[in-house]
Amino acid sequence: MYEIDFFAVGEGERSGDAITLRYTIPGQDEPIVGVIDAGFAPNGEIIAEHIPTYYGTSRVDWCLSTHPDGDHINGMGVVVRELDVRNLLIHRPSLHGYGANSGAKPAEELAKLAKDKGTGVFEPFTGIGGFGESVLIAGPTQEFYRKMLAEQAETTKAAAPKVSLAETAVVKRARRFLEKFPVEIPFGDAGGTNPRNNSSAILSLVVDDRHLLFFGDAGVPAINAAMDYLDARSRFKCPRVVVLPHHGSRRNLDIATIKRVFGEPSSPYGTAVASVSAESDNPSPRVANAVGRRGYEVPLTRRQTFRHPHEAPPRPGWNAPVTVLPPLEETDLDED
């Protein structure tokens, strides 16, 4: 049994991630409760109320902070402060010689808060896991993480190029919904994402022999390294639930990686969630369509918090329809 709650995070174009889950494993009487990121501070307050109300406990067995961007980490302090968090998984740049990294201060503040409350604090590197082998960190390795920290430091030193408002303006367009998916055209990752996103912890969760994957904001190199590890562990199978990396951005997935994670086109199989705010341009039509062709529905957190249950008890008031993307028109704008 598992139930996953995906929370609406962000306003305007600012999206974020906040996920709670409760699940059972053989040999343990009480369900395990987990939190994956906690959005902004107000989202942390919602989570701190949600877990006792709907999970019937103030105990959180593990919290995972995938990376220290504000839209993922800011609410976690409220969760740790208000609930009984047993284990916190968080990367700490200061422990690797990068105390000047912009994520170092919030990470250390959260780690101190957790330790002061008696919470175990661990860095989520490849191979870390537990809870009856349900939890396994598939990436990054410590070596890859340090490489990303070094690249972040070099990026920070480089002077930002001056660009005109016209060059930085976001091109807005109305999405056209289609009756069926357009013909698939191979695509790359539009230059890729940044080192900070590629340092995200990637979680493989197996419950009831179902594989659930949470990518944070990781991009193609990080995801493929994690997939290599899962393959080596003979743990990978097509996932039933995936949270699309970085809200389904074109810079975080290419067609080869999508094929590797989701397989070839098939009949309805699973769910690929896009955590997006009200005015976000994500998910990319090319990404959403490529996933949809492979049998995955793509629900959005846009203006809605929704529950995804598997053999979980009913929850009154949580039966409202979830917005699922239909096929989308693909244009040259999707190359950006």
C-alpha atoms as a PDB file:
ATOM      1  CA  MET A   1       0.000   0.000   0.000  1.00  0.00           C
ATOM      2  CA  TYR A   2       1.137   3.522  -0.663  1.00  0.00           C
ATOM      3  CA  GLU A   3      -0.377   6.962  -0.912  1.00  0.00           C
ATOM      4  CA  ILE A   4       1.501   9.963  -2.248  1.00  0.00           C
ATOM      5  CA  ASP A   5       0.411  13.576  -1.884  1.00  0.00           C
ATOM      6  CA  PHE A   6       1.686  16.127  -4.388  1.00  0.00           C
ATOM      7  CA  PHE A   7       1.314  19.719  -3.193  1.00  0.00           C
ATOM      8  CA  ALA A   8       0.726  22.832  -5.264  1.00  0.00           C
ATOM      9  CA  VAL A   9       3.853  24.976  -4.863  1.00  0.00           C
ATOM     10  CA  GLY A  10       4.676  28.446  -6.144  1.00  0.00           C
ATOM     11  CA  GLU A  11       2.940  31.458  -7.591  1.00  0.00           C
ATOM     12  CA  GLY A  12       3.170  33.012 -11.033  1.00  0.00           C
ATOM     13  CA  GLU A  13       6.057  31.346 -12.873  1.00  0.00           C
ATOM     14  CA  ARG A  14       7.834  30.154  -9.694  1.00  0.00           C
ATOM     15  CA  SER A  15       7.284  26.425  -9.377  1.00  0.00           C
ATOM     16  CA  GLY A  16       8.490  24.104  -6.635  1.00  0.00           C
ATOM     17  CA  ASP A  17       8.288  20.586  -5.226  1.00  0.00           C
ATOM     18  CA  ALA A  18       6.651  19.292  -2.045  1.00  0.00           C
ATOM     19  CA  ILE A  19       5.697  15.635  -1.659  1.00  0.00           C
ATOM     20  CA  THR A  20       4.602  13.495   1.270  1.00  0.00           C
ATOM     21  CA  LEU A  21       4.020   9.766   1.239  1.00  0.00           C
ATOM     22  CA  ARG A  22       2.941   6.915   3.483  1.00  0.00           C
ATOM     23  CA  TYR A  23       3.535   3.271   2.657  1.00  0.00           C
ATOM     24  CA  THR A  24       3.765  -0.187   4.158  1.00  0.00           C
ATOM     25  CA  ILE A  25       6.539  -2.777   3.977  1.00  0.00           C
ATOM     26  CA  PRO A  26       6.592  -6.429   5.062  1.00  0.00           C
ATOM     27  CA  GLY A  27       7.561  -7.060   8.667  1.00  0.00           C
ATOM     28  CA  GLN A  28       6.662  -3.600   9.971  1.00  0.00           C
ATOM     29  CA  ASP A  29       3.330  -2.929  11.672  1.00  0.00           C
ATOM     30  CA  GLU A  30       3.250   0.853  11.285  1.00  0.00           C
ATOM     31  CA  PRO A  31       3.336   2.544   7.851  1.00  0.00           C
ATOM     32  CA  ILE A  32       6.462   4.467   6.949  1.00  0.00           C
ATOM     33  CA  VAL A  33       6.055   8.211   6.440  1.00  0.00           C
ATOM     34  CA  GLY A  34       8.355  10.209   4.181  1.00  0.00           C
ATOM     35  CA  VAL A  35       8.747  13.762   2.847  1.00  0.00           C
ATOM     36  CA  ILE A  36      10.527  14.641  -0.381  1.00  0.00           C
ATOM     37  CA  ASP A  37      11.254  18.366  -0.463  1.00  0.00           C
ATOM     38  CA  ALA A  38       8.860  20.833   1.137  1.00  0.00           C
ATOM     39  CA  GLY A  39       8.532  23.776  -1.235  1.00  0.00           C
ATOM     40  CA  PHE A  40       8.555  27.274   0.220  1.00  0.00           C
ATOM     41  CA  ALA A  41       7.958  28.045   3.918  1.00  0.00           C
ATOM     42  CA  PRO A  42       4.137  28.207   3.612  1.00  0.00           C
ATOM     43  CA  ASN A  43       4.196  24.732   2.026  1.00  0.00           C
ATOM     44  CA  GLY A  44       6.114  23.445   5.042  1.00  0.00           C
ATOM     45  CA  GLU A  45       3.327  24.709   7.279  1.00  0.00           C
ATOM     46  CA  ILE A  46       0.764  22.882   5.149  1.00  0.00           C
ATOM     47  CA  ILE A  47       2.769  19.655   5.318  1.00  0.00           C
ATOM     48  CA  ALA A  48       3.204  19.960   9.098  1.00  0.00           C
ATOM     49  CA  GLU A  49      -0.586  20.028   9.411  1.00  0.00           C
ATOM     50  CA  HIS A  50      -1.290  17.522   6.631  1.00  0.00           C
ATOM     51  CA  ILE A  51       0.686  14.584   8.037  1.00  0.00           C
ATOM     52  CA  PRO A  52      -1.030  14.430  11.466  1.00  0.00           C
ATOM     53  CA  THR A  53      -4.427  15.068   9.883  1.00  0.00           C
ATOM     54  CA  TYR A  54      -4.311  12.482   7.101  1.00  0.00           C
ATOM     55  CA  TYR A  55      -1.574  10.056   8.150  1.00  0.00           C
ATOM     56  CA  GLY A  56      -2.608   9.972  11.808  1.00  0.00           C
ATOM     57  CA  THR A  57       0.880  10.559  13.205  1.00  0.00           C
ATOM     58  CA  SER A  58       3.420  13.294  13.866  1.00  0.00           C
ATOM     59  CA  ARG A  59       6.274  10.845  13.160  1.00  0.00           C
ATOM     60  CA  VAL A  60       8.176  11.226   9.893  1.00  0.00           C
ATOM     61  CA  ASP A  61      10.583   8.365   9.311  1.00  0.00           C
ATOM     62  CA  TRP A  62      12.641  10.165   6.686  1.00  0.00           C
ATOM     63  CA  CYS A  63      12.855  13.507   4.941  1.00  0.00           C
ATOM     64  CA  LEU A  64      14.826  13.987   1.731  1.00  0.00           C
ATOM     65  CA  SER A  65      16.004  17.419   0.622  1.00  0.00           C
ATOM     66  CA  THR A  66      16.996  16.807  -2.995  1.00  0.00           C
ATOM     67  CA  HIS A  67      18.981  20.054  -3.288  1.00  0.00           C
ATOM     68  CA  PRO A  68      19.084  23.439  -1.523  1.00  0.00           C
ATOM     69  CA  ASP A  69      17.061  25.626  -3.897  1.00  0.00           C
ATOM     70  CA  GLY A  70      14.442  27.703  -2.096  1.00  0.00           C
ATOM     71  CA  ASP A  71      11.518  26.097  -3.897  1.00  0.00           C
ATOM     72  CA  HIS A  72      12.575  22.720  -2.481  1.00  0.00           C
ATOM     73  CA  ILE A  73      14.227  23.398   0.888  1.00  0.00           C
ATOM     74  CA  ASN A  74      12.619  26.456   2.469  1.00  0.00           C
ATOM     75  CA  GLY A  75       9.619  24.580   3.854  1.00  0.00           C
ATOM     76  CA  MET A  76      11.700  21.749   5.298  1.00  0.00           C
ATOM     77  CA  GLY A  77      12.668  23.733   8.381  1.00  0.00           C
ATOM     78  CA  VAL A  78       9.010  23.980   9.393  1.00  0.00           C
ATOM     79  CA  VAL A  79       8.580  20.222   8.888  1.00  0.00           C
ATOM     80  CA  VAL A  80      11.618  19.405  11.035  1.00  0.00           C
ATOM     81  CA  ARG A  81      10.625  21.912  13.708  1.00  0.00           C
ATOM     82  CA  GLU A  82       6.949  20.930  13.970  1.00  0.00           C
ATOM     83  CA  LEU A  83       7.067  17.146  13.460  1.00  0.00           C
ATOM     84  CA  ASP A  84       9.040  14.226  14.884  1.00  0.00           C
ATOM     85  CA  VAL A  85      11.481  13.687  12.034  1.00  0.00           C
ATOM     86  CA  ARG A  86      13.684  10.635  12.622  1.00  0.00           C
ATOM     87  CA  ASN A  87      16.086  10.946   9.660  1.00  0.00           C
ATOM     88  CA  LEU A  88      17.048  13.864   7.418  1.00  0.00           C
ATOM     89  CA  LEU A  89      18.889  13.261   4.154  1.00  0.00           C
ATOM     90  CA  ILE A  90      20.539  16.437   2.891  1.00  0.00           C
ATOM     91  CA  HIS A  91      23.702  17.364   1.005  1.00  0.00           C
ATOM     92  CA  ARG A  92      26.008  19.742   2.860  1.00  0.00           C
ATOM     93  CA  PRO A  93      28.407  21.691   0.620  1.00  0.00           C
ATOM     94  CA  SER A  94      30.410  22.912   3.632  1.00  0.00           C
ATOM     95  CA  LEU A  95      31.541  19.363   4.406  1.00  0.00           C
ATOM     96  CA  HIS A  96      33.166  19.206   0.973  1.00  0.00           C
ATOM     97  CA  GLY A  97      35.067  22.490   1.139  1.00  0.00           C
ATOM     98  CA  TYR A  98      32.416  24.693  -0.450  1.00  0.00           C
ATOM     99  CA  GLY A  99      31.205  26.809   2.451  1.00  0.00           C
ATOM    100  CA  ALA A 100      30.729  29.745   0.074  1.00  0.00           C
ATOM    101  CA  ASN A 101      28.206  27.802  -2.010  1.00  0.00           C
ATOM    102  CA  SER A 102      24.814  29.507  -1.848  1.00  0.00           C
ATOM    103  CA  GLY A 103      23.256  26.250  -0.649  1.00  0.00           C
ATOM    104  CA  ALA A 104      25.707  25.796   2.234  1.00  0.00           C
ATOM    105  CA  LYS A 105      24.043  28.129   4.728  1.00  0.00           C
ATOM    106  CA  PRO A 106      20.469  26.803   4.424  1.00  0.00           C
ATOM    107  CA  ALA A 107      21.778  23.234   4.461  1.00  0.00           C
ATOM    108  CA  GLU A 108      23.796  23.799   7.645  1.00  0.00           C
ATOM    109  CA  GLU A 109      20.951  25.647   9.350  1.00  0.00           C
ATOM    110  CA  LEU A 110      18.586  22.775   8.584  1.00  0.00           C
ATOM    111  CA  ALA A 111      21.128  20.146   9.664  1.00  0.00           C
ATOM    112  CA  LYS A 112      21.708  21.963  12.986  1.00  0.00           C
ATOM    113  CA  LEU A 113      17.977  22.270  13.630  1.00  0.00           C
ATOM    114  CA  ALA A 114      17.554  18.576  12.964  1.00  0.00           C
ATOM    115  CA  LYS A 115      20.485  17.520  15.151  1.00  0.00           C
ATOM    116  CA  ASP A 116      19.287  19.720  18.011  1.00  0.00           C
ATOM    117  CA  LYS A 117      16.014  17.778  17.899  1.00  0.00           C
ATOM    118  CA  GLY A 118      17.785  14.415  17.907  1.00  0.00           C
ATOM    119  CA  THR A 119      17.223  13.709  14.213  1.00  0.00           C
ATOM    120  CA  GLY A 120      19.798  11.645  12.367  1.00  0.00           C
ATOM    121  CA  VAL A 121      21.396  13.649   9.540  1.00  0.00           C
ATOM    122  CA  PHE A 122      22.916  11.894   6.523  1.00  0.00           C
ATOM    123  CA  GLU A 123      24.110  12.938   3.075  1.00  0.00           C
ATOM    124  CA  PRO A 124      22.105  11.221   0.300  1.00  0.00           C
ATOM    125  CA  PHE A 125      24.791   9.657  -1.860  1.00  0.00           C
ATOM    126  CA  THR A 126      24.474   6.636  -4.119  1.00  0.00           C
ATOM    127  CA  GLY A 127      23.813   3.469  -2.131  1.00  0.00           C
ATOM    128  CA  ILE A 128      22.354   5.101   0.991  1.00  0.00           C
ATOM    129  CA  GLY A 129      19.066   3.437   1.856  1.00  0.00           C
ATOM    130  CA  GLY A 130      17.025   1.448   4.313  1.00  0.00           C
ATOM    131  CA  PHE A 131      13.506   0.741   5.520  1.00  0.00           C
ATOM    132  CA  GLY A 132      13.398  -2.816   4.258  1.00  0.00           C
ATOM    133  CA  GLU A 133      15.276  -1.765   1.102  1.00  0.00           C
ATOM    134  CA  SER A 134      12.300   0.352   0.071  1.00  0.00           C
ATOM    135  CA  VAL A 135      14.475   3.480   0.046  1.00  0.00           C
ATOM    136  CA  LEU A 136      17.598   3.688  -2.110  1.00  0.00           C
ATOM    137  CA  ILE A 137      19.484   6.780  -3.227  1.00  0.00           C
ATOM    138  CA  ALA A 138      20.423   6.139  -6.855  1.00  0.00           C
ATOM    139  CA  GLY A 139      22.493   9.295  -7.283  1.00  0.00           C
ATOM    140  CA  PRO A 140      24.640  11.266  -7.101  1.00  0.00           C
ATOM    141  CA  THR A 141      27.855   9.559  -6.082  1.00  0.00           C
ATOM    142  CA  GLN A 142      30.059  11.625  -3.789  1.00  0.00           C
ATOM    143  CA  GLU A 143      32.548  12.061  -6.645  1.00  0.00           C
ATOM    144  CA  PHE A 144      29.865  13.346  -9.032  1.00  0.00           C
ATOM    145  CA  TYR A 145      28.456  15.663  -6.349  1.00  0.00           C
ATOM    146  CA  ARG A 146      31.846  17.229  -5.687  1.00  0.00           C
ATOM    147  CA  LYS A 147      32.343  17.702  -9.412  1.00  0.00           C
ATOM    148  CA  MET A 148      29.015  19.580  -9.557  1.00  0.00           C
ATOM    149  CA  LEU A 149      30.069  21.737  -6.589  1.00  0.00           C
ATOM    150  CA  ALA A 150      33.288  22.623  -8.410  1.00  0.00           C
ATOM    151  CA  GLU A 151      31.358  23.512 -11.560  1.00  0.00           C
ATOM    152  CA  GLN A 152      28.975  25.667  -9.534  1.00  0.00           C
ATOM    153  CA  ALA A 153      31.964  27.545  -8.091  1.00  0.00           C
ATOM    154  CA  GLU A 154      33.369  28.189 -11.564  1.00  0.00           C
ATOM    155  CA  THR A 155      29.979  29.334 -12.836  1.00  0.00           C
ATOM    156  CA  THR A 156      29.686  31.777  -9.927  1.00  0.00           C
ATOM    157  CA  LYS A 157      33.127  33.257 -10.666  1.00  0.00           C
ATOM    158  CA  ALA A 158      32.287  33.860 -14.321  1.00  0.00           C
ATOM    159  CA  ALA A 159      30.817  37.246 -15.093  1.00  0.00           C
ATOM    160  CA  ALA A 160      27.204  37.091 -16.186  1.00  0.00           C
ATOM    161  CA  PRO A 161      26.802  38.329 -19.779  1.00  0.00           C
ATOM    162  CA  LYS A 162      24.749  41.437 -20.311  1.00  0.00           C
ATOM    163  CA  VAL A 163      21.659  40.828 -22.362  1.00  0.00           C
ATOM    164  CA  SER A 164      18.801  43.003 -23.472  1.00  0.00           C
ATOM    165  CA  LEU A 165      15.282  42.724 -22.137  1.00  0.00           C
ATOM    166  CA  ALA A 166      14.224  41.482 -25.550  1.00  0.00           C
ATOM    167  CA  GLU A 167      16.704  38.622 -25.320  1.00  0.00           C
ATOM    168  CA  THR A 168      15.613  37.617 -21.830  1.00  0.00           C
ATOM    169  CA  ALA A 169      11.869  37.974 -22.354  1.00  0.00           C
ATOM    170  CA  VAL A 170       9.938  34.734 -21.950  1.00  0.00           C
ATOM    171  CA  VAL A 171       7.980  33.931 -25.079  1.00  0.00           C
ATOM    172  CA  LYS A 172       4.396  33.252 -24.025  1.00  0.00           C
ATOM    173  CA  ARG A 173       2.033  31.266 -26.165  1.00  0.00           C
ATOM    174  CA  ALA A 174      -1.303  29.576 -25.745  1.00  0.00           C
ATOM    175  CA  ARG A 175      -1.056  25.821 -25.721  1.00  0.00           C
ATOM    176  CA  ARG A 176      -3.088  23.943 -28.265  1.00  0.00           C
ATOM    177  CA  PHE A 177      -4.515  20.638 -27.155  1.00  0.00           C
ATOM    178  CA  LEU A 178      -4.647  17.849 -29.725  1.00  0.00           C
ATOM    179  CA  GLU A 179      -6.790  14.751 -30.089  1.00  0.00           C
ATOM    180  CA  LYS A 180      -3.768  12.484 -30.482  1.00  0.00           C
ATOM    181  CA  PHE A 181      -0.017  12.675 -30.077  1.00  0.00           C
ATOM    182  CA  PRO A 182       1.956  14.120 -33.003  1.00  0.00           C
ATOM    183  CA  VAL A 183       4.651  12.015 -34.641  1.00  0.00           C
ATOM    184  CA  GLU A 184       7.671  11.745 -32.340  1.00  0.00           C
ATOM    185  CA  ILE A 185      10.724  13.729 -33.409  1.00  0.00           C
ATOM    186  CA  PRO A 186      14.019  12.950 -31.603  1.00  0.00           C
ATOM    187  CA  PHE A 187      15.209  15.798 -29.406  1.00  0.00           C
ATOM    188  CA  GLY A 188      18.109  16.704 -27.132  1.00  0.00           C
ATOM    189  CA  ASP A 189      18.154  18.462 -23.781  1.00  0.00           C
ATOM    190  CA  ALA A 190      18.463  22.010 -25.177  1.00  0.00           C
ATOM    191  CA  GLY A 191      21.924  22.542 -23.706  1.00  0.00           C
ATOM    192  CA  GLY A 192      21.210  20.808 -20.414  1.00  0.00           C
ATOM    193  CA  THR A 193      20.577  22.082 -16.912  1.00  0.00           C
ATOM    194  CA  ASN A 194      22.991  23.670 -14.430  1.00  0.00           C
ATOM    195  CA  PRO A 195      25.401  21.930 -12.001  1.00  0.00           C
ATOM    196  CA  ARG A 196      23.224  22.797  -8.990  1.00  0.00           C
ATOM    197  CA  ASN A 197      20.292  20.908 -10.485  1.00  0.00           C
ATOM    198  CA  ASN A 198      22.525  18.016 -11.531  1.00  0.00           C
ATOM    199  CA  SER A 199      23.636  17.649  -7.900  1.00  0.00           C
ATOM    200  CA  SER A 200      20.063  16.689  -6.906  1.00  0.00           C
ATOM    201  CA  ALA A 201      19.549  13.507  -4.933  1.00  0.00           C
ATOM    202  CA  ILE A 202      17.665  10.893  -6.969  1.00  0.00           C
ATOM    203  CA  LEU A 203      15.432   8.517  -5.008  1.00  0.00           C
ATOM    204  CA  SER A 204      14.396   5.017  -6.035  1.00  0.00           C
ATOM    205  CA  LEU A 205      11.492   3.774  -3.913  1.00  0.00           C
ATOM    206  CA  VAL A 206      10.151   0.230  -4.224  1.00  0.00           C
ATOM    207  CA  VAL A 207       6.816  -0.601  -2.582  1.00  0.00           C
ATOM    208  CA  ASP A 208       4.683  -3.678  -3.356  1.00  0.00           C
ATOM    209  CA  ASP A 209       7.159  -4.512  -6.136  1.00  0.00           C
ATOM    210  CA  ARG A 210       6.313  -1.180  -7.776  1.00  0.00           C
ATOM    211  CA  HIS A 211       9.127   1.201  -8.686  1.00  0.00           C
ATOM    212  CA  LEU A 212       8.699   4.923  -7.932  1.00  0.00           C
ATOM    213  CA  LEU A 213      11.313   7.461  -9.089  1.00  0.00           C
ATOM    214  CA  PHE A 214      11.901  10.980  -7.801  1.00  0.00           C
ATOM    215  CA  PHE A 215      14.468  12.976  -9.783  1.00  0.00           C
ATOM    216  CA  GLY A 216      14.517  16.359  -8.037  1.00  0.00           C
ATOM    217  CA  ASP A 217      15.890  18.812 -10.606  1.00  0.00           C
ATOM    218  CA  ALA A 218      18.499  16.408 -12.039  1.00  0.00           C
ATOM    219  CA  GLY A 219      19.402  16.510 -15.724  1.00  0.00           C
ATOM    220  CA  VAL A 220      20.478  13.975 -18.332  1.00  0.00           C
ATOM    221  CA  PRO A 221      24.010  13.128 -17.057  1.00  0.00           C
ATOM    222  CA  ALA A 222      22.843  12.744 -13.465  1.00  0.00           C
ATOM    223  CA  ILE A 223      19.785  10.671 -14.402  1.00  0.00           C
ATOM    224  CA  ASN A 224      21.780   8.334 -16.628  1.00  0.00           C
ATOM    225  CA  ALA A 225      24.418   7.815 -13.940  1.00  0.00           C
ATOM    226  CA  ALA A 226      21.625   6.888 -11.513  1.00  0.00           C
ATOM    227  CA  MET A 227      20.106   4.538 -14.078  1.00  0.00           C
ATOM    228  CA  ASP A 228      23.497   2.841 -14.523  1.00  0.00           C
ATOM    229  CA  TYR A 229      23.601   2.227 -10.773  1.00  0.00           C
ATOM    230  CA  LEU A 230      20.040   0.863 -10.646  1.00  0.00           C
ATOM    231  CA  ASP A 231      20.802  -1.431 -13.575  1.00  0.00           C
ATOM    232  CA  ALA A 232      23.930  -2.691 -11.827  1.00  0.00           C
ATOM    233  CA  ARG A 233      21.838  -3.434  -8.743  1.00  0.00           C
ATOM    234  CA  SER A 234      19.208  -5.206 -10.898  1.00  0.00           C
ATOM    235  CA  ARG A 235      16.708  -2.864  -9.260  1.00  0.00           C
ATOM    236  CA  PHE A 236      15.345  -1.039 -12.273  1.00  0.00           C
ATOM    237  CA  LYS A 237      11.953  -1.770 -13.758  1.00  0.00           C
ATOM    238  CA  CYS A 238       9.695   0.665 -15.588  1.00  0.00           C
ATOM    239  CA  PRO A 239       8.416   2.961 -12.840  1.00  0.00           C
ATOM    240  CA  ARG A 240       4.750   3.224 -11.919  1.00  0.00           C
ATOM    241  CA  VAL A 241       5.206   6.791 -10.643  1.00  0.00           C
ATOM    242  CA  VAL A 242       7.791   9.358 -11.735  1.00  0.00           C
ATOM    243  CA  VAL A 243       8.168  12.986 -10.763  1.00  0.00           C
ATOM    244  CA  LEU A 244       9.452  14.686 -13.905  1.00  0.00           C
ATOM    245  CA  PRO A 245      12.741  16.487 -13.223  1.00  0.00           C
ATOM    246  CA  HIS A 246      12.623  20.263 -12.840  1.00  0.00           C
ATOM    247  CA  HIS A 247       8.900  20.480 -13.587  1.00  0.00           C
ATOM    248  CA  GLY A 248       9.241  18.694 -16.926  1.00  0.00           C
ATOM    249  CA  SER A 249      11.740  21.170 -18.388  1.00  0.00           C
ATOM    250  CA  ARG A 250      13.250  20.549 -21.831  1.00  0.00           C
ATOM    251  CA  ARG A 251      16.712  21.079 -20.313  1.00  0.00           C
ATOM    252  CA  ASN A 252      16.444  18.044 -18.048  1.00  0.00           C
ATOM    253  CA  LEU A 253      15.471  15.250 -20.435  1.00  0.00           C
ATOM    254  CA  ASP A 254      16.259  14.115 -23.954  1.00  0.00           C
ATOM    255  CA  ILE A 255      14.527  11.439 -25.993  1.00  0.00           C
ATOM    256  CA  ALA A 256      17.207   8.804 -25.281  1.00  0.00           C
ATOM    257  CA  THR A 257      16.865   9.265 -21.515  1.00  0.00           C
ATOM    258  CA  ILE A 258      13.072   9.233 -21.736  1.00  0.00           C
ATOM    259  CA  LYS A 259      13.220   5.942 -23.631  1.00  0.00           C
ATOM    260  CA  ARG A 260      15.573   4.534 -21.018  1.00  0.00           C
ATOM    261  CA  VAL A 261      13.376   5.519 -18.066  1.00  0.00           C
ATOM    262  CA  PHE A 262       9.913   5.003 -19.548  1.00  0.00           C
ATOM    263  CA  GLY A 263      10.531   2.318 -22.172  1.00  0.00           C
ATOM    264  CA  GLU A 264       8.938   2.192 -25.590  1.00  0.00           C
ATOM    265  CA  PRO A 265       5.361   3.316 -26.401  1.00  0.00           C
ATOM    266  CA  SER A 266       2.822   1.125 -24.640  1.00  0.00           C
ATOM    267  CA  SER A 267      -0.720   0.944 -23.322  1.00  0.00           C
ATOM    268  CA  PRO A 268      -1.554   2.910 -20.130  1.00  0.00           C
ATOM    269  CA  TYR A 269       1.007   2.030 -17.501  1.00  0.00           C
ATOM    270  CA  GLY A 270       1.902   4.752 -14.992  1.00  0.00           C
ATOM    271  CA  THR A 271       1.894   8.360 -13.822  1.00  0.00           C
ATOM    272  CA  ALA A 272       4.476  11.074 -14.479  1.00  0.00           C
ATOM    273  CA  VAL A 273       3.807  14.118 -12.290  1.00  0.00           C
ATOM    274  CA  ALA A 274       4.798  17.652 -13.309  1.00  0.00           C
ATOM    275  CA  SER A 275       5.130  20.011 -10.335  1.00  0.00           C
ATOM    276  CA  VAL A 276       4.250  23.349 -11.902  1.00  0.00           C
ATOM    277  CA  SER A 277       2.892  26.683 -10.727  1.00  0.00           C
ATOM    278  CA  ALA A 278      -0.087  28.534 -12.162  1.00  0.00           C
ATOM    279  CA  GLU A 279       1.754  30.403 -14.927  1.00  0.00           C
ATOM    280  CA  SER A 280       4.677  28.079 -15.588  1.00  0.00           C
ATOM    281  CA  ASP A 281       5.522  27.217 -19.205  1.00  0.00           C
ATOM    282  CA  ASN A 282       6.413  23.715 -18.046  1.00  0.00           C
ATOM    283  CA  PRO A 283       6.121  20.889 -18.691  1.00  0.00           C
ATOM    284  CA  SER A 284       7.614  21.053 -22.153  1.00  0.00           C
ATOM    285  CA  PRO A 285       5.159  19.740 -24.783  1.00  0.00           C
ATOM    286  CA  ARG A 286       7.938  17.574 -26.230  1.00  0.00           C
ATOM    287  CA  VAL A 287       8.680  16.024 -22.836  1.00  0.00           C
ATOM    288  CA  ALA A 288       5.029  15.580 -21.869  1.00  0.00           C
ATOM    289  CA  ASN A 289       4.127  14.037 -25.225  1.00  0.00           C
ATOM    290  CA  ALA A 290       7.121  11.685 -25.230  1.00  0.00           C
ATOM    291  CA  VAL A 291       6.125  10.438 -21.778  1.00  0.00           C
ATOM    292  CA  GLY A 292       2.460  10.240 -22.748  1.00  0.00           C
ATOM    293  CA  ARG A 293       3.233   8.079 -25.787  1.00  0.00           C
ATOM    294  CA  ARG A 294       4.785   5.575 -23.407  1.00  0.00           C
ATOM    295  CA  GLY A 295       1.607   5.024 -21.479  1.00  0.00           C
ATOM    296  CA  TYR A 296       2.015   7.608 -18.705  1.00  0.00           C
ATOM    297  CA  GLU A 297      -0.628  10.149 -17.804  1.00  0.00           C
ATOM    298  CA  VAL A 298       0.817  13.530 -16.843  1.00  0.00           C
ATOM    299  CA  PRO A 299      -1.073  15.226 -13.988  1.00  0.00           C
ATOM    300  CA  LEU A 300      -0.111  18.743 -12.908  1.00  0.00           C
ATOM    301  CA  THR A 301       0.110  20.297  -9.452  1.00  0.00           C
ATOM    302  CA  ARG A 302      -0.999  23.584 -11.015  1.00  0.00           C
ATOM    303  CA  ARG A 303      -3.510  25.066  -8.534  1.00  0.00           C
ATOM    304  CA  GLN A 304      -4.212  21.620  -7.056  1.00  0.00           C
ATOM    305  CA  THR A 305      -2.857  19.320  -4.391  1.00  0.00           C
ATOM    306  CA  PHE A 306      -3.717  15.753  -5.224  1.00  0.00           C
ATOM    307  CA  ARG A 307      -3.380  12.249  -3.834  1.00  0.00           C
ATOM    308  CA  HIS A 308      -2.077   9.237  -5.724  1.00  0.00           C
ATOM    309  CA  PRO A 309      -3.071   6.024  -3.870  1.00  0.00           C
ATOM    310  CA  HIS A 310      -2.285   2.352  -4.437  1.00  0.00           C
ATOM    311  CA  GLU A 311      -4.416  -0.005  -2.343  1.00  0.00           C
ATOM    312  CA  ALA A 312      -4.635   2.752   0.279  1.00  0.00           C
ATOM    313  CA  PRO A 313      -7.738   3.329   2.410  1.00  0.00           C
ATOM    314  CA  PRO A 314     -10.213   5.888   1.042  1.00  0.00           C
ATOM    315  CA  ARG A 315      -9.830   9.487   2.112  1.00  0.00           C
ATOM    316  CA  PRO A 316     -13.082  11.454   2.135  1.00  0.00           C
ATOM    317  CA  GLY A 317     -12.947  14.688   0.183  1.00  0.00           C
ATOM    318  CA  TRP A 318     -10.021  13.654  -2.020  1.00  0.00           C
ATOM    319  CA  ASN A 319     -11.909  12.291  -4.995  1.00  0.00           C
ATOM    320  CA  ALA A 320     -11.890  15.420  -7.156  1.00  0.00           C
ATOM    321  CA  PRO A 321     -10.712  14.925 -10.768  1.00  0.00           C
ATOM    322  CA  VAL A 322      -7.024  15.621 -11.314  1.00  0.00           C
ATOM    323  CA  THR A 323      -5.956  17.748 -14.279  1.00  0.00           C
ATOM    324  CA  VAL A 324      -4.151  15.467 -16.729  1.00  0.00           C
ATOM    325  CA  LEU A 325      -2.485  16.874 -19.829  1.00  0.00           C
ATOM    326  CA  PRO A 326      -3.881  15.816 -23.205  1.00  0.00           C
ATOM    327  CA  PRO A 327      -1.519  15.614 -26.202  1.00  0.00           C
ATOM    328  CA  LEU A 328       0.041  19.020 -26.876  1.00  0.00           C
ATOM    329  CA  GLU A 329       1.043  20.805 -30.052  1.00  0.00           C
ATOM    330  CA  GLU A 330       4.821  20.855 -30.511  1.00  0.00           C
ATOM    331  CA  THR A 331       6.462  23.875 -32.125  1.00  0.00           C
ATOM    332  CA  ASP A 332       9.951  25.201 -32.753  1.00  0.00           C
ATOM    333  CA  LEU A 333       9.635  27.128 -29.485  1.00  0.00           C
ATOM    334  CA  ASP A 334      10.061  23.818 -27.687  1.00  0.00           C
ATOM    335  CA  GLU A 335      13.696  23.806 -28.809  1.00  0.00           C
ATOM    336  CA  ASP A 336      14.470  26.619 -26.332  1.00  0.00           C
END
